[in-house]
């Protein structure tokens, strides 16, 4: 009989842990679903080299993927 009580106690502990983990999982999922990612992309340089004169638009296309 004491074995049955011990098993019931252990099952209750496992159920409590499972409930806690389920709550944490729900919290984390809600935080992920409401997260926002903001990106600011700026032009950091303008080619001023004579060798690139007339080719800056091609270089920009290559670098920026335009």
C-alpha atoms as a PDB file:
ATOM      1  CA  UNK A   1       0.000   0.000   0.000  1.00  0.00           C
ATOM      2  CA  UNK A   2       2.829   2.415   0.775  1.00  0.00           C
ATOM      3  CA  UNK A   3       4.245   1.717  -2.703  1.00  0.00           C
ATOM      4  CA  UNK A   4       1.001   2.920  -4.271  1.00  0.00           C
ATOM      5  CA  UNK A   5       1.081   6.125  -2.224  1.00  0.00           C
ATOM      6  CA  UNK A   6       4.704   6.730  -3.152  1.00  0.00           C
ATOM      7  CA  UNK A   7       3.914   6.260  -6.852  1.00  0.00           C
ATOM      8  CA  UNK A   8       0.913   8.604  -6.605  1.00  0.00           C
ATOM      9  CA  UNK A   9       3.103  11.218  -4.915  1.00  0.00           C
ATOM     10  CA  UNK A  10       5.741  10.909  -7.641  1.00  0.00           C
ATOM     11  CA  UNK A  11       3.076  11.160 -10.356  1.00  0.00           C
ATOM     12  CA  UNK A  12       1.736  14.312  -8.708  1.00  0.00           C
ATOM     13  CA  UNK A  13       5.268  15.784  -8.710  1.00  0.00           C
ATOM     14  CA  UNK A  14       5.736  14.923 -12.380  1.00  0.00           C
ATOM     15  CA  UNK A  15       2.340  16.429 -13.250  1.00  0.00           C
ATOM     16  CA  UNK A  16       3.239  19.642 -11.385  1.00  0.00           C
ATOM     17  CA  UNK A  17       6.534  19.897 -13.273  1.00  0.00           C
ATOM     18  CA  UNK A  18       4.766  19.226 -16.574  1.00  0.00           C
ATOM     19  CA  UNK A  19       2.209  21.951 -15.844  1.00  0.00           C
ATOM     20  CA  UNK A  20       4.994  24.418 -15.018  1.00  0.00           C
ATOM     21  CA  UNK A  21       6.886  23.600 -18.201  1.00  0.00           C
ATOM     22  CA  UNK A  22       3.704  23.887 -20.255  1.00  0.00           C
ATOM     23  CA  UNK A  23       3.124  27.348 -18.782  1.00  0.00           C
ATOM     24  CA  UNK A  24       6.682  28.406 -19.608  1.00  0.00           C
ATOM     25  CA  UNK A  25       6.295  27.101 -23.156  1.00  0.00           C
ATOM     26  CA  UNK A  26       3.070  29.090 -23.644  1.00  0.00           C
ATOM     27  CA  UNK A  27       4.768  32.222 -22.324  1.00  0.00           C
ATOM     28  CA  UNK A  28       7.754  31.809 -24.641  1.00  0.00           C
ATOM     29  CA  UNK A  29       5.514  31.156 -27.648  1.00  0.00           C
ATOM     30  CA  UNK A  30       3.519  34.313 -26.957  1.00  0.00           C
ATOM     31  CA  UNK A  31       6.714  36.363 -26.681  1.00  0.00           C
ATOM     32  CA  UNK A  32       8.028  35.019 -29.974  1.00  0.00           C
ATOM     33  CA  UNK A  33       4.782  35.591 -31.827  1.00  0.00           C
ATOM     34  CA  UNK A  34       4.674  39.219 -30.711  1.00  0.00           C
ATOM     35  CA  UNK A  35       8.334  40.022 -31.379  1.00  0.00           C
ATOM     36  CA  UNK A  36       9.238  42.608 -33.981  1.00  0.00           C
ATOM     37  CA  UNK A  37      12.455  42.822 -35.910  1.00  0.00           C
ATOM     38  CA  UNK A  38      13.435  46.263 -37.157  1.00  0.00           C
ATOM     39  CA  UNK A  39      16.253  46.817 -39.616  1.00  0.00           C
ATOM     40  CA  UNK A  40      17.741  50.090 -40.708  1.00  0.00           C
ATOM     41  CA  UNK A  41      19.818  49.834 -43.866  1.00  0.00           C
ATOM     42  CA  UNK A  42      21.816  52.871 -44.771  1.00  0.00           C
ATOM     43  CA  UNK A  43      24.233  53.657 -47.502  1.00  0.00           C
ATOM     44  CA  UNK A  44      27.533  53.906 -45.668  1.00  0.00           C
ATOM     45  CA  UNK A  45      29.767  55.013 -48.482  1.00  0.00           C
ATOM     46  CA  UNK A  46      29.682  56.478 -51.949  1.00  0.00           C
ATOM     47  CA  UNK A  47      32.432  55.337 -54.327  1.00  0.00           C
ATOM     48  CA  UNK A  48      34.606  58.342 -55.152  1.00  0.00           C
ATOM     49  CA  UNK A  49      37.465  56.601 -56.866  1.00  0.00           C
ATOM     50  CA  UNK A  50      38.211  57.559 -60.474  1.00  0.00           C
ATOM     51  CA  UNK A  51      38.488  53.876 -61.419  1.00  0.00           C
ATOM     52  CA  UNK A  52      34.875  53.393 -60.374  1.00  0.00           C
ATOM     53  CA  UNK A  53      33.573  56.453 -62.203  1.00  0.00           C
ATOM     54  CA  UNK A  54      30.663  55.368 -64.325  1.00  0.00           C
ATOM     55  CA  UNK A  55      30.635  51.947 -62.682  1.00  0.00           C
ATOM     56  CA  UNK A  56      29.269  52.939 -59.291  1.00  0.00           C
ATOM     57  CA  UNK A  57      25.731  51.873 -60.176  1.00  0.00           C
ATOM     58  CA  UNK A  58      26.957  48.392 -61.158  1.00  0.00           C
ATOM     59  CA  UNK A  59      29.031  48.188 -57.977  1.00  0.00           C
ATOM     60  CA  UNK A  60      26.043  49.320 -55.926  1.00  0.00           C
ATOM     61  CA  UNK A  61      23.882  46.692 -57.606  1.00  0.00           C
ATOM     62  CA  UNK A  62      26.456  44.040 -56.819  1.00  0.00           C
ATOM     63  CA  UNK A  63      26.932  45.089 -53.193  1.00  0.00           C
ATOM     64  CA  UNK A  64      23.345  45.904 -52.337  1.00  0.00           C
ATOM     65  CA  UNK A  65      21.641  43.356 -54.563  1.00  0.00           C
ATOM     66  CA  UNK A  66      19.509  45.951 -56.322  1.00  0.00           C
END
